[in-house]
Amino acid sequence: MSLTFFLTNILALLSHVFAIPSLPDQKDHQPTSCHRIDALDTHTKRIVANGNFETGSLAPWKPIVIYPPLPDYDDWLSLGVRSPGYNSAYAFAVNNTIASSYVEVSIGQNVSLCPDKEYRFTAEFYMTDGGLGPQTYVDILMDDNRIVGSNASDAIGPPVVWFSLSTTFTANATRAQLELRFVATDIMVNKWAIDNVAISPVW
């Protein structure tokens, strides 16, 4: 047996024993865009922007409905980021002082979600009934579909009492409009506030 043949076989054997396995196609292990959205929103910027209103301003929330309209009724109906919040500096608040027999205020923002994925919505809120009975409401909507809301018994005070809202829902699209709606159905003096609005993926 020649030395060349012997060395060639030894090198072939060593190459087989110590071979570095080929790496799988990296594209197969890249997260989908939805996975990236979930990871990014959960750990850095959150799905709901300024959900605790701690910036002291409303943005990026925008008014959707204000009835009766302002400024015609601005002596009786006021809304905006106010102090204090739920164990924090700020919350979004609405103050109705006998503005109308029907009052509706809603604000919203667009959020990024993954279709067919389950999410959890949470928030803290209060609403008062002016002593006239449970005729005030808080509703949370995703693309005009109500996902959770207050109970009639939640209308308490003054003084105010904070309650928690929580529910799960399944996203229908990558973009959805989150809407916070406040309604009174009779002439009355009442207030609403909401804070710590959050959406998180259910893993």
Protein backbone atom coordinates (compact mmCIF):
# COMPACT_ATOMS: atom_id res chain seq x y z
CA MET A 1 0.00 0.00 0.00
CA SER A 2 1.46 3.30 -1.02
CA LEU A 3 1.94 6.09 1.48
CA THR A 4 -0.15 8.41 -0.70
CA PHE A 5 -3.12 6.01 -0.70
CA PHE A 6 -2.82 5.54 3.09
CA LEU A 7 -2.76 9.29 3.79
CA THR A 8 -5.68 9.93 1.45
CA ASN A 9 -7.86 7.40 3.27
CA ILE A 10 -6.84 8.73 6.69
CA LEU A 11 -7.77 12.28 5.65
CA ALA A 12 -11.11 11.11 4.30
CA LEU A 13 -11.88 9.30 7.55
CA LEU A 14 -10.97 12.32 9.65
CA SER A 15 -13.08 14.58 7.48
CA HIS A 16 -16.07 12.32 8.04
CA VAL A 17 -15.60 12.10 11.80
CA PHE A 18 -15.04 15.82 12.40
CA ALA A 19 -17.30 17.16 9.67
CA ILE A 20 -19.18 20.35 10.52
CA PRO A 21 -22.84 19.79 9.75
CA SER A 22 -24.26 22.12 7.17
CA LEU A 23 -26.50 24.87 8.55
CA PRO A 24 -30.15 24.74 7.57
CA ASP A 25 -31.50 27.47 5.38
CA GLN A 26 -31.66 30.50 7.67
CA LYS A 27 -34.83 31.69 5.99
CA ASP A 28 -36.67 28.69 7.43
CA HIS A 29 -35.99 29.96 10.95
CA GLN A 30 -36.65 33.65 10.47
CA PRO A 31 -39.69 34.85 12.42
CA THR A 32 -42.69 35.96 10.43
CA SER A 33 -43.56 39.64 10.38
CA CYS A 34 -46.30 38.96 12.95
CA HIS A 35 -43.82 37.29 15.29
CA ARG A 36 -41.57 40.31 14.95
CA ILE A 37 -44.51 42.61 15.72
CA ASP A 38 -45.37 40.62 18.85
CA ALA A 39 -41.79 40.50 20.09
CA LEU A 40 -41.20 44.18 19.40
CA ASP A 41 -44.47 45.43 20.85
CA THR A 42 -44.35 43.22 23.93
CA HIS A 43 -40.80 44.09 24.95
CA THR A 44 -40.20 47.61 23.68
CA LYS A 45 -42.86 49.93 22.35
CA ARG A 46 -46.08 48.08 23.34
CA ILE A 47 -49.04 47.48 21.09
CA VAL A 48 -51.05 50.42 22.47
CA ALA A 49 -49.09 53.66 22.32
CA ASN A 50 -49.47 56.04 25.28
CA GLY A 51 -51.99 53.71 26.87
CA ASN A 52 -51.22 55.13 30.31
CA PHE A 53 -51.35 58.77 29.09
CA GLU A 54 -48.15 59.48 31.00
CA THR A 55 -46.93 61.74 28.21
CA GLY A 56 -49.47 64.24 29.51
CA SER A 57 -50.99 64.54 26.02
CA LEU A 58 -53.57 62.62 24.01
CA ALA A 59 -51.48 61.71 20.94
CA PRO A 60 -51.52 59.31 19.20
CA TRP A 61 -55.12 58.87 20.37
CA LYS A 62 -57.60 60.83 18.26
CA PRO A 63 -61.23 61.81 18.88
CA ILE A 64 -63.72 59.71 16.89
CA VAL A 65 -67.09 60.92 18.21
CA ILE A 66 -67.88 63.95 20.36
CA TYR A 67 -71.60 64.51 20.95
CA PRO A 68 -72.93 67.08 21.63
CA PRO A 69 -70.34 68.73 19.40
CA LEU A 70 -67.70 71.11 20.64
CA PRO A 71 -67.26 74.07 20.89
CA ASP A 72 -71.04 74.58 21.02
CA TYR A 73 -71.24 72.68 24.29
CA ASP A 74 -67.80 73.30 25.72
CA ASP A 75 -69.31 74.98 28.79
CA TRP A 76 -70.86 71.63 29.76
CA LEU A 77 -68.70 68.95 28.19
CA SER A 78 -64.92 68.70 28.57
CA LEU A 79 -62.44 65.96 27.79
CA GLY A 80 -58.71 65.35 27.68
CA VAL A 81 -55.74 64.04 29.63
CA ARG A 82 -56.27 64.96 33.26
CA SER A 83 -54.64 64.41 36.63
CA PRO A 84 -54.66 62.16 38.60
CA GLY A 85 -54.79 58.76 36.95
CA TYR A 86 -55.04 55.28 38.37
CA ASN A 87 -52.08 55.26 40.76
CA SER A 88 -50.36 57.54 38.24
CA ALA A 89 -50.12 61.13 37.13
CA TYR A 90 -52.61 61.09 34.24
CA ALA A 91 -55.67 59.43 32.72
CA PHE A 92 -58.05 60.28 29.91
CA ALA A 93 -61.14 61.87 31.42
CA VAL A 94 -64.55 63.14 30.30
CA ASN A 95 -66.66 65.53 32.38
CA ASN A 96 -70.33 66.00 31.53
CA THR A 97 -72.32 68.69 33.37
CA ILE A 98 -75.87 68.31 32.05
CA ALA A 99 -74.74 68.80 28.46
CA SER A 100 -77.49 66.80 26.80
CA SER A 101 -79.95 63.95 27.20
CA TYR A 102 -77.42 61.86 25.27
CA VAL A 103 -73.66 62.18 25.49
CA GLU A 104 -71.10 60.12 23.59
CA VAL A 105 -67.33 60.59 23.49
CA SER A 106 -64.91 58.15 21.93
CA ILE A 107 -61.20 58.18 21.13
CA GLY A 108 -59.14 55.66 19.20
CA GLN A 109 -55.86 54.66 17.63
CA ASN A 110 -54.71 52.08 15.10
CA VAL A 111 -52.77 49.11 16.44
CA SER A 112 -50.69 46.39 14.74
CA LEU A 113 -51.82 42.82 15.34
CA CYS A 114 -51.42 39.33 13.89
CA PRO A 115 -54.48 37.83 12.18
CA ASP A 116 -56.02 34.85 14.00
CA LYS A 117 -53.87 35.45 17.07
CA GLU A 118 -55.40 35.80 20.53
CA TYR A 119 -54.78 38.98 22.53
CA ARG A 120 -55.68 40.26 25.97
CA PHE A 121 -57.10 43.75 26.54
CA THR A 122 -56.79 45.38 29.98
CA ALA A 123 -57.54 48.81 31.43
CA GLU A 124 -58.62 50.63 34.57
CA PHE A 125 -61.61 52.98 34.55
CA TYR A 126 -64.18 54.81 36.64
CA MET A 127 -67.53 56.41 35.90
CA THR A 128 -69.98 58.29 38.09
CA ASP A 129 -73.76 58.41 37.72
CA GLY A 130 -74.53 61.72 39.42
CA GLY A 131 -76.82 59.91 41.83
CA LEU A 132 -79.46 59.34 39.13
CA GLY A 133 -78.97 55.64 38.62
CA PRO A 134 -76.84 53.47 36.33
CA GLN A 135 -77.12 55.34 33.03
CA THR A 136 -73.46 55.67 32.13
CA TYR A 137 -71.36 53.22 30.15
CA VAL A 138 -67.83 52.44 29.01
CA ASP A 139 -67.38 50.26 25.91
CA ILE A 140 -64.20 49.00 24.25
CA LEU A 141 -64.35 48.26 20.52
CA MET A 142 -62.03 46.75 17.94
CA ASP A 143 -63.00 47.79 14.41
CA ASP A 144 -66.49 48.75 15.64
CA ASN A 145 -67.01 45.40 17.39
CA ARG A 146 -67.53 45.61 21.15
CA ILE A 147 -65.10 43.32 22.96
CA VAL A 148 -65.78 44.35 26.59
CA GLY A 149 -67.58 47.02 28.58
CA SER A 150 -68.66 48.24 31.96
CA ASN A 151 -71.45 46.84 34.10
CA ALA A 152 -74.38 49.00 35.17
CA SER A 153 -73.27 48.60 38.78
CA ASP A 154 -69.88 50.14 37.96
CA ALA A 155 -71.42 53.65 37.91
CA ILE A 156 -70.54 54.76 41.41
CA GLY A 157 -69.89 58.09 43.05
CA PRO A 158 -68.68 60.63 43.54
CA PRO A 159 -66.31 59.78 45.12
CA VAL A 160 -64.89 57.77 42.25
CA VAL A 161 -64.18 54.05 42.40
CA TRP A 162 -61.79 52.49 39.89
CA PHE A 163 -62.65 49.17 38.22
CA SER A 164 -60.69 46.82 35.97
CA LEU A 165 -61.61 45.82 32.43
CA SER A 166 -60.17 42.63 30.96
CA THR A 167 -61.01 40.34 28.06
CA THR A 168 -59.43 38.30 25.29
CA PHE A 169 -60.14 38.61 21.60
CA THR A 170 -58.88 37.22 18.30
CA ALA A 171 -57.41 39.63 15.77
CA ASN A 172 -58.96 39.69 12.30
CA ALA A 173 -56.31 41.73 10.50
CA THR A 174 -52.81 43.17 10.82
CA ARG A 175 -54.23 46.64 11.50
CA ALA A 176 -57.23 47.41 13.69
CA GLN A 177 -58.81 50.46 15.27
CA LEU A 178 -59.00 50.36 19.06
CA GLU A 179 -61.82 52.59 20.31
CA LEU A 180 -62.66 53.71 23.86
CA ARG A 181 -66.29 54.87 24.09
CA PHE A 182 -68.04 56.74 26.92
CA VAL A 183 -71.84 57.15 26.88
CA ALA A 184 -74.53 58.72 29.09
CA THR A 185 -78.19 58.20 28.21
CA ASP A 186 -79.90 60.82 30.35
CA ILE A 187 -79.47 64.43 31.46
CA MET A 188 -77.09 64.11 34.35
CA VAL A 189 -73.81 65.18 35.89
CA ASN A 190 -71.25 62.45 35.43
CA LYS A 191 -67.58 61.76 34.82
CA TRP A 192 -65.49 59.03 33.22
CA ALA A 193 -61.78 58.26 33.23
CA ILE A 194 -59.65 55.45 31.82
CA ASP A 195 -56.00 54.55 32.34
CA ASN A 196 -53.43 51.80 31.73
CA VAL A 197 -54.96 50.73 28.42
CA ALA A 198 -52.96 47.76 27.12
CA ILE A 199 -53.10 44.92 24.60
CA SER A 200 -50.74 41.97 24.90
CA PRO A 201 -50.46 38.68 22.98
CA VAL A 202 -51.67 35.53 24.68
CA TRP A 203 -48.72 33.17 24.21
